[in-house]
Amino acid sequence: MNEQHVFIIGSKGIPAKYGGFETFVENLTARRHSKNIKYHVACMAKDSNEFEYNEAKCFNIKVPNIGPAKAVYYDLMALKRCIKYIKQENMTKGIIYVLACRIGPFIGHYKRKLQKMGIKLYVNPDGHEWKRAKWNRLIKKYWKFSEKLMVKHADLLICDSINIEKYIKEDYKKYNPQTTFIAYGSDVTKSTLEDDDKTLVEWYQQKNIKPKEYYLVVGRFVPENNYEIMIREYMKSTTKKDFVLITNVEKNKFYENLKDNTHFEKDERIKFVGTVYNQELLKKIRENAYGYIHGHEVGGTNPSLLEALASTNLNLLFDVGFNKEVGEEGALYWNKEDKNLANLIDSSDILKNKQIEQISNKAKKRIYEDYSWERIIKKYEIVFK
């Protein structure tokens, strides 16, 4: 049988160090079932080398440090490199799969080239990038315009959330977009670390935290993840447990503003503990949390939410379509009303073990049945073939 070549651009590359798209590409290539698919993966780098990883052909794209335009430049250079390779190899069929909608204004030109070559353009529209608070008005406008053109020119849009698929179909009805829903994946597996593991014990001692005596949040330190509301509400709650925030604060402007607005440093329960890159340690910290608080408001199926549902017994999620479609009955929900989350934390504190176990079982079942990497990879391979 003919090999199907799939070129993936838009992730920072593999081996994955961090990030949702990177972890996705890592799993897609590592857990490949079909021997008839050959993956080619663009990687952001300081050189232009090529290498093999997970039986995928990886090619580095050298990217200058040019601020917010860096990602646009990277995608365009990767796309050009794919087209050049396809021509060299005289390929008459294949797929270029672009993760996120960064290069919309340029895509029409390349789409015409791809069409002549018999190559399909697939796009993952990601979440609502144009809604992110970190962008100024101009960049937000660019993102929305870029998304529109990516949707217009894509042969297929692979949405990782039912809510995103619905939005694409409604907002861009005039283009009659072809869409399919394939979620992001996760694993329901226990951490390999024991409770008395030296790394774990030292981490707890260092941060002055005790197992099952903390609520946890893990995620990027950005306003749309609702850190301010979570912290304010935590301060209003009566829980004796700590609020542990694993995130990249790096004492940035948002962090300083948050400090000025909430004075959280006066509440000794609130603990910013930096980042944790050791994946097994992070998984164990999730498992040992009393509860997980998830405040993401923008985006599709969020990787940290799947990991929380797979690892932490009790999850308190911000009540928005993206989170609800994933958590369903395996979580409790809160909104932005005054004292809403504070009251939920207080009532969660007095839940019986049996009640927590029931919620936890529903969450694990949800991940296992609908979000396991095995299922996700199989769905992708059907679409690619």
Protein backbone atom coordinates (compact mmCIF):
# COMPACT_ATOMS: atom_id res chain seq x y z
CA MET A 1 0.00 0.00 0.00
CA ASN A 2 1.10 3.57 -0.65
CA GLU A 3 2.50 5.45 2.30
CA GLN A 4 0.49 8.47 3.45
CA HIS A 5 2.79 11.40 4.26
CA VAL A 6 1.57 13.78 6.97
CA PHE A 7 3.49 17.03 7.60
CA ILE A 8 2.82 18.62 11.00
CA ILE A 9 3.63 22.27 11.56
CA GLY A 10 2.76 24.65 14.38
CA SER A 11 4.10 22.80 17.43
CA LYS A 12 7.51 23.68 18.86
CA GLY A 13 8.52 20.14 17.95
CA ILE A 14 9.52 16.82 19.46
CA PRO A 15 10.86 15.44 21.79
CA ALA A 16 8.20 17.37 23.74
CA LYS A 17 9.55 19.47 26.59
CA TYR A 18 6.23 21.09 27.49
CA GLY A 19 3.02 22.37 25.91
CA GLY A 20 -0.19 20.85 24.61
CA PHE A 21 0.58 20.67 20.90
CA GLU A 22 4.06 19.27 21.58
CA THR A 23 2.69 16.52 23.85
CA PHE A 24 0.06 15.74 21.21
CA VAL A 25 2.68 15.33 18.43
CA GLU A 26 4.85 13.24 20.78
CA ASN A 27 1.95 10.84 21.41
CA LEU A 28 0.74 10.82 17.80
CA THR A 29 4.17 9.70 16.57
CA ALA A 30 5.13 7.43 19.49
CA ARG A 31 1.84 5.49 19.55
CA ARG A 32 1.37 5.14 15.82
CA HIS A 33 -0.60 2.00 14.90
CA SER A 34 -0.60 2.32 11.14
CA LYS A 35 2.60 1.44 9.34
CA ASN A 36 1.26 3.27 6.27
CA ILE A 37 1.57 6.75 7.76
CA LYS A 38 4.88 8.62 7.63
CA TYR A 39 5.05 11.71 9.84
CA HIS A 40 7.21 14.77 9.13
CA VAL A 41 7.46 17.19 12.05
CA ALA A 42 8.66 20.80 12.06
CA CYS A 43 10.71 21.78 15.14
CA MET A 44 11.64 25.28 16.30
CA ALA A 45 15.42 25.40 16.71
CA LYS A 46 18.68 27.33 16.46
CA ASP A 47 19.83 25.34 13.40
CA SER A 48 18.38 23.70 10.26
CA ASN A 49 19.28 20.07 11.02
CA GLU A 50 17.17 17.01 10.28
CA PHE A 51 16.79 13.97 12.51
CA GLU A 52 14.61 10.92 13.11
CA TYR A 53 12.50 10.59 16.28
CA ASN A 54 9.61 8.15 17.00
CA GLU A 55 10.13 7.04 13.36
CA ALA A 56 9.10 10.55 12.29
CA LYS A 57 11.26 12.68 10.02
CA CYS A 58 11.92 15.85 12.02
CA PHE A 59 13.27 19.03 10.48
CA ASN A 60 14.52 22.05 12.43
CA ILE A 61 13.50 25.56 11.46
CA LYS A 62 15.92 28.27 12.52
CA VAL A 63 13.86 31.15 13.89
CA PRO A 64 15.16 34.64 14.74
CA ASN A 65 13.92 36.25 17.95
CA ILE A 66 11.43 38.78 16.55
CA GLY A 67 8.84 39.01 19.33
CA PRO A 68 5.18 38.08 18.72
CA ALA A 69 5.84 37.64 14.96
CA LYS A 70 8.22 34.75 15.73
CA ALA A 71 5.46 32.11 15.61
CA VAL A 72 4.11 33.44 12.29
CA TYR A 73 7.60 33.41 10.76
CA TYR A 74 8.18 29.87 12.07
CA ASP A 75 4.96 28.47 10.56
CA LEU A 76 5.64 30.11 7.19
CA MET A 77 9.23 28.83 7.01
CA ALA A 78 8.04 25.34 7.97
CA LEU A 79 5.33 25.42 5.31
CA LYS A 80 7.85 26.48 2.64
CA ARG A 81 10.19 23.70 3.70
CA CYS A 82 7.37 21.12 3.43
CA ILE A 83 6.45 22.30 -0.07
CA LYS A 84 10.09 22.17 -1.16
CA TYR A 85 10.44 18.60 0.16
CA ILE A 86 7.17 17.46 -1.47
CA LYS A 87 8.38 18.81 -4.83
CA GLN A 88 11.83 17.18 -4.47
CA GLU A 89 10.23 13.81 -3.71
CA ASN A 90 7.63 14.19 -6.50
CA MET A 91 4.77 13.46 -4.11
CA THR A 92 1.32 13.58 -5.64
CA LYS A 93 -0.64 13.18 -2.44
CA GLY A 94 -0.22 13.96 1.24
CA ILE A 95 -1.49 16.15 4.05
CA ILE A 96 -0.10 19.27 5.67
CA TYR A 97 -1.61 19.58 9.16
CA VAL A 98 -1.27 23.08 10.63
CA LEU A 99 -1.75 23.46 14.39
CA ALA A 100 -3.36 26.85 15.23
CA CYS A 101 -4.39 29.71 12.94
CA ARG A 102 -1.36 31.98 12.82
CA ILE A 103 -0.71 32.33 9.07
CA GLY A 104 -4.16 33.11 7.66
CA PRO A 105 -3.18 36.22 5.65
CA PHE A 106 -0.59 34.16 3.71
CA ILE A 107 -2.40 30.84 3.38
CA GLY A 108 -4.37 31.57 0.17
CA HIS A 109 -1.14 31.81 -1.85
CA TYR A 110 0.18 28.50 -0.50
CA LYS A 111 -3.20 26.77 -0.76
CA ARG A 112 -3.18 27.32 -4.53
CA LYS A 113 0.28 25.69 -4.71
CA LEU A 114 -0.84 22.75 -2.57
CA GLN A 115 -3.95 22.22 -4.69
CA LYS A 116 -1.88 21.98 -7.86
CA MET A 117 0.35 19.44 -6.13
CA GLY A 118 -2.58 17.32 -4.89
CA ILE A 119 -1.76 18.04 -1.22
CA LYS A 120 -4.54 18.55 1.34
CA LEU A 121 -4.51 21.28 3.99
CA TYR A 122 -5.82 20.29 7.42
CA VAL A 123 -6.02 22.82 10.27
CA ASN A 124 -6.49 22.56 14.02
CA PRO A 125 -8.18 25.88 14.92
CA ASP A 126 -7.09 25.55 18.59
CA GLY A 127 -9.01 27.73 21.09
CA HIS A 128 -10.14 31.35 20.90
CA GLU A 129 -6.65 32.81 20.60
CA TRP A 130 -8.07 36.25 19.74
CA LYS A 131 -9.75 36.40 23.16
CA ARG A 132 -6.55 36.06 25.17
CA ALA A 133 -5.94 39.00 27.49
CA LYS A 134 -2.19 39.09 26.83
CA TRP A 135 -2.69 40.44 23.28
CA ASN A 136 -3.25 44.11 22.48
CA ARG A 137 -6.19 45.18 20.30
CA LEU A 138 -4.17 45.03 17.09
CA ILE A 139 -2.87 41.50 17.69
CA LYS A 140 -6.37 40.33 18.67
CA LYS A 141 -7.68 41.68 15.36
CA TYR A 142 -4.89 39.88 13.49
CA TRP A 143 -5.72 36.56 15.22
CA LYS A 144 -9.42 36.80 14.37
CA PHE A 145 -8.70 37.75 10.73
CA SER A 146 -6.10 34.98 10.48
CA GLU A 147 -8.53 32.41 11.89
CA LYS A 148 -11.15 33.43 9.31
CA LEU A 149 -8.74 32.84 6.40
CA MET A 150 -7.44 29.54 7.79
CA VAL A 151 -11.03 28.30 8.06
CA LYS A 152 -11.79 29.53 4.53
CA HIS A 153 -8.86 27.67 2.92
CA ALA A 154 -8.70 24.45 4.98
CA ASP A 155 -9.83 21.20 3.37
CA LEU A 156 -10.64 19.93 6.87
CA LEU A 157 -10.71 21.51 10.34
CA ILE A 158 -9.92 19.12 13.17
CA CYS A 159 -11.43 20.62 16.34
CA ASP A 160 -10.35 19.31 19.73
CA SER A 161 -13.55 20.51 21.38
CA ILE A 162 -17.24 20.12 20.44
CA ASN A 163 -17.76 23.76 21.46
CA ILE A 164 -15.00 24.95 19.13
CA GLU A 165 -16.44 22.88 16.27
CA LYS A 166 -19.86 24.44 16.89
CA TYR A 167 -18.33 27.94 16.91
CA ILE A 168 -16.44 27.32 13.63
CA LYS A 169 -19.60 26.04 11.91
CA GLU A 170 -21.72 28.96 13.11
CA ASP A 171 -19.27 31.86 12.80
CA TYR A 172 -17.93 30.83 9.39
CA LYS A 173 -21.09 29.37 7.88
CA LYS A 174 -20.51 31.22 4.60
CA TYR A 175 -17.38 29.12 3.92
CA ASN A 176 -19.24 25.85 4.57
CA PRO A 177 -16.28 24.54 6.61
CA GLN A 178 -15.64 20.79 6.68
CA THR A 179 -15.03 19.88 10.31
CA THR A 180 -14.49 16.86 12.51
CA PHE A 181 -14.11 16.55 16.28
CA ILE A 182 -11.11 14.72 17.73
CA ALA A 183 -10.28 15.59 21.34
CA TYR A 184 -6.92 16.01 22.99
CA GLY A 185 -5.78 12.93 24.92
CA SER A 186 -4.68 11.85 28.37
CA ASP A 187 -3.78 8.69 30.30
CA VAL A 188 -5.36 7.32 33.46
CA THR A 189 -2.17 5.94 34.98
CA LYS A 190 -0.74 6.31 38.46
CA SER A 191 2.55 8.09 39.06
CA THR A 192 5.53 5.77 39.36
CA LEU A 193 6.65 7.57 42.54
CA GLU A 194 5.97 6.02 45.95
CA ASP A 195 4.69 8.15 48.87
CA ASP A 196 8.11 8.05 50.52
CA ASP A 197 10.03 8.95 47.36
CA LYS A 198 12.95 11.24 48.25
CA THR A 199 12.20 13.81 45.50
CA LEU A 200 8.55 14.04 46.57
CA VAL A 201 9.24 14.25 50.31
CA GLU A 202 11.89 16.93 49.78
CA TRP A 203 9.55 18.93 47.52
CA TYR A 204 6.81 18.90 50.19
CA GLN A 205 9.27 19.89 52.93
CA GLN A 206 10.77 22.67 50.83
CA LYS A 207 7.35 24.17 50.02
CA ASN A 208 5.93 23.49 53.50
CA ILE A 209 2.97 21.48 52.12
CA LYS A 210 1.37 18.23 53.30
CA PRO A 211 -0.30 15.54 51.11
CA LYS A 212 -4.13 15.83 50.96
CA GLU A 213 -3.89 19.19 52.74
CA TYR A 214 -3.97 21.41 49.67
CA TYR A 215 -6.01 22.50 46.67
CA LEU A 216 -3.97 22.73 43.50
CA VAL A 217 -3.85 24.64 40.24
CA VAL A 218 -1.43 23.99 37.37
CA GLY A 219 -1.37 26.20 34.29
CA ARG A 220 0.03 29.17 32.45
CA PHE A 221 0.06 32.36 34.47
CA VAL A 222 -2.27 34.43 32.30
CA PRO A 223 -5.37 36.54 33.18
CA GLU A 224 -7.88 34.43 31.21
CA ASN A 225 -7.17 31.48 33.51
CA ASN A 226 -8.96 33.49 36.22
CA TYR A 227 -6.18 33.49 38.82
CA GLU A 228 -7.47 36.69 40.42
CA ILE A 229 -10.95 35.29 41.02
CA MET A 230 -9.58 31.97 42.31
CA ILE A 231 -7.25 33.76 44.76
CA ARG A 232 -9.86 36.28 45.96
CA GLU A 233 -12.41 33.52 46.52
CA TYR A 234 -9.87 31.31 48.27
CA MET A 235 -9.13 34.17 50.66
CA LYS A 236 -12.87 34.43 51.41
CA SER A 237 -13.14 30.68 52.14
CA THR A 238 -12.66 29.25 55.63
CA THR A 239 -10.62 26.20 54.56
CA LYS A 240 -7.47 25.41 56.54
CA LYS A 241 -5.93 23.79 53.47
CA ASP A 242 -3.27 25.48 51.34
CA PHE A 243 -3.83 26.76 47.81
CA VAL A 244 -0.80 25.56 45.81
CA LEU A 245 -0.18 27.30 42.47
CA ILE A 246 2.23 25.57 40.11
CA THR A 247 2.83 28.19 37.46
CA ASN A 248 5.49 30.34 35.82
CA VAL A 249 5.13 33.65 37.68
CA GLU A 250 8.71 34.85 37.16
CA LYS A 251 7.58 37.91 39.12
CA ASN A 252 5.96 39.34 36.00
CA LYS A 253 3.68 42.38 35.71
CA PHE A 254 0.51 40.31 36.04
CA TYR A 255 1.92 38.82 39.27
CA GLU A 256 2.71 42.26 40.71
CA ASN A 257 -0.76 43.59 39.77
CA LEU A 258 -2.36 40.55 41.37
CA LYS A 259 -0.39 41.20 44.55
CA ASP A 260 -1.50 44.84 44.62
CA ASN A 261 -5.15 43.94 43.93
CA THR A 262 -5.56 41.02 46.34
CA HIS A 263 -2.71 41.26 48.91
CA PHE A 264 -2.57 37.49 48.76
CA GLU A 265 0.91 37.48 50.35
CA LYS A 266 -0.84 38.21 53.70
CA ASP A 267 -2.73 34.90 53.43
CA GLU A 268 -0.28 32.15 54.32
CA ARG A 269 -2.47 29.48 52.70
CA ILE A 270 -1.70 30.86 49.23
CA LYS A 271 1.55 29.41 47.94
CA PHE A 272 3.15 30.12 44.58
CA VAL A 273 5.65 27.28 44.24
CA GLY A 274 7.07 27.82 40.74
CA THR A 275 7.03 25.21 37.98
CA VAL A 276 7.53 21.43 38.11
CA TYR A 277 9.04 19.88 34.97
CA ASN A 278 9.47 16.36 36.37
CA GLN A 279 6.32 14.75 34.93
CA GLU A 280 6.14 11.86 37.44
CA LEU A 281 6.57 14.27 40.36
CA LEU A 282 3.86 16.55 38.94
CA LYS A 283 1.50 13.59 38.53
CA LYS A 284 2.11 12.55 42.15
CA ILE A 285 1.48 16.12 43.38
CA ARG A 286 -1.84 16.06 41.44
CA GLU A 287 -2.78 12.68 42.96
CA ASN A 288 -2.02 13.90 46.47
CA ALA A 289 -4.05 17.11 46.16
CA TYR A 290 -7.30 17.25 48.13
CA GLY A 291 -8.84 19.06 45.17
CA TYR A 292 -7.97 20.76 41.90
CA ILE A 293 -9.31 24.20 40.91
CA HIS A 294 -9.50 24.91 37.18
CA GLY A 295 -10.15 28.46 35.97
CA HIS A 296 -9.44 28.28 32.23
CA GLU A 297 -11.95 30.31 30.26
CA VAL A 298 -10.46 30.36 26.74
CA GLY A 299 -9.55 27.48 24.45
CA GLY A 300 -10.71 24.03 23.50
CA THR A 301 -10.05 20.82 25.40
CA ASN A 302 -7.42 21.88 27.90
CA PRO A 303 -4.56 19.41 28.56
CA SER A 304 -4.18 20.40 32.22
CA LEU A 305 -7.91 19.75 32.75
CA LEU A 306 -7.64 16.23 31.32
CA GLU A 307 -4.61 15.55 33.51
CA ALA A 308 -6.49 16.83 36.57
CA LEU A 309 -9.54 14.66 35.89
CA ALA A 310 -7.25 11.65 35.33
CA SER A 311 -5.18 12.20 38.51
CA THR A 312 -6.98 14.30 41.14
CA ASN A 313 -10.03 12.92 42.96
CA LEU A 314 -11.97 16.15 43.31
CA ASN A 315 -12.10 18.81 40.59
CA LEU A 316 -13.71 22.24 40.86
CA LEU A 317 -14.08 23.66 37.35
CA PHE A 318 -14.99 27.09 36.06
CA ASP A 319 -18.48 26.71 34.58
CA VAL A 320 -17.91 27.31 30.86
CA GLY A 321 -18.84 25.14 27.84
CA PHE A 322 -15.29 23.86 27.16
CA ASN A 323 -14.81 22.61 30.72
CA LYS A 324 -18.32 21.22 31.13
CA GLU A 325 -18.19 19.15 27.94
CA VAL A 326 -15.07 17.42 29.30
CA GLY A 327 -15.88 17.13 33.01
CA GLU A 328 -19.60 16.35 32.76
CA GLU A 329 -20.63 14.71 36.07
CA GLY A 330 -17.06 13.99 37.11
CA ALA A 331 -16.54 17.47 38.59
CA LEU A 332 -18.15 20.31 40.57
CA TYR A 333 -18.62 23.75 38.97
CA TRP A 334 -18.23 27.39 40.03
CA ASN A 335 -18.93 30.80 38.47
CA LYS A 336 -17.73 34.40 38.90
CA GLU A 337 -20.44 35.45 41.36
CA ASP A 338 -19.20 36.74 44.70
CA LYS A 339 -18.59 33.92 47.23
CA ASN A 340 -19.61 31.23 44.69
CA LEU A 341 -16.21 29.53 44.58
CA ALA A 342 -15.51 30.31 48.26
CA ASN A 343 -18.71 28.48 49.25
CA LEU A 344 -17.86 25.57 46.93
CA ILE A 345 -14.42 25.22 48.57
CA ASP A 346 -16.01 25.23 52.03
CA SER A 347 -18.62 22.64 51.07
CA SER A 348 -15.94 20.52 49.32
CA ASP A 349 -13.96 20.48 52.55
CA ILE A 350 -16.71 18.58 54.34
CA LEU A 351 -17.52 16.03 51.62
CA LYS A 352 -17.43 12.44 52.80
CA ASN A 353 -14.76 10.14 51.31
CA LYS A 354 -17.50 8.10 49.63
CA GLN A 355 -18.86 11.21 47.85
CA ILE A 356 -15.39 12.20 46.63
CA GLU A 357 -14.79 8.65 45.43
CA GLN A 358 -18.01 8.71 43.37
CA ILE A 359 -17.05 11.99 41.68
CA SER A 360 -13.51 10.69 41.07
CA ASN A 361 -14.75 7.46 39.48
CA LYS A 362 -16.95 9.38 37.05
CA ALA A 363 -14.00 11.60 36.06
CA LYS A 364 -11.64 8.65 35.46
CA LYS A 365 -14.33 6.82 33.47
CA ARG A 366 -14.81 9.95 31.35
CA ILE A 367 -11.11 10.17 30.52
CA TYR A 368 -10.77 6.44 29.94
CA GLU A 369 -13.77 6.17 27.63
CA ASP A 370 -13.47 9.38 25.61
CA TYR A 371 -10.04 10.92 26.05
CA SER A 372 -7.48 8.11 26.21
CA TRP A 373 -4.54 8.63 23.83
CA GLU A 374 -5.18 5.19 22.31
CA ARG A 375 -8.64 6.24 21.12
CA ILE A 376 -7.50 9.68 20.00
CA ILE A 377 -4.59 8.31 17.91
CA LYS A 378 -6.87 5.75 16.21
CA LYS A 379 -9.32 8.52 15.26
CA TYR A 380 -6.49 10.62 13.82
CA GLU A 381 -5.18 7.72 11.76
CA ILE A 382 -8.63 7.10 10.27
CA VAL A 383 -8.81 10.78 9.26
CA PHE A 384 -5.27 10.81 7.85
CA LYS A 385 -5.78 7.63 5.82
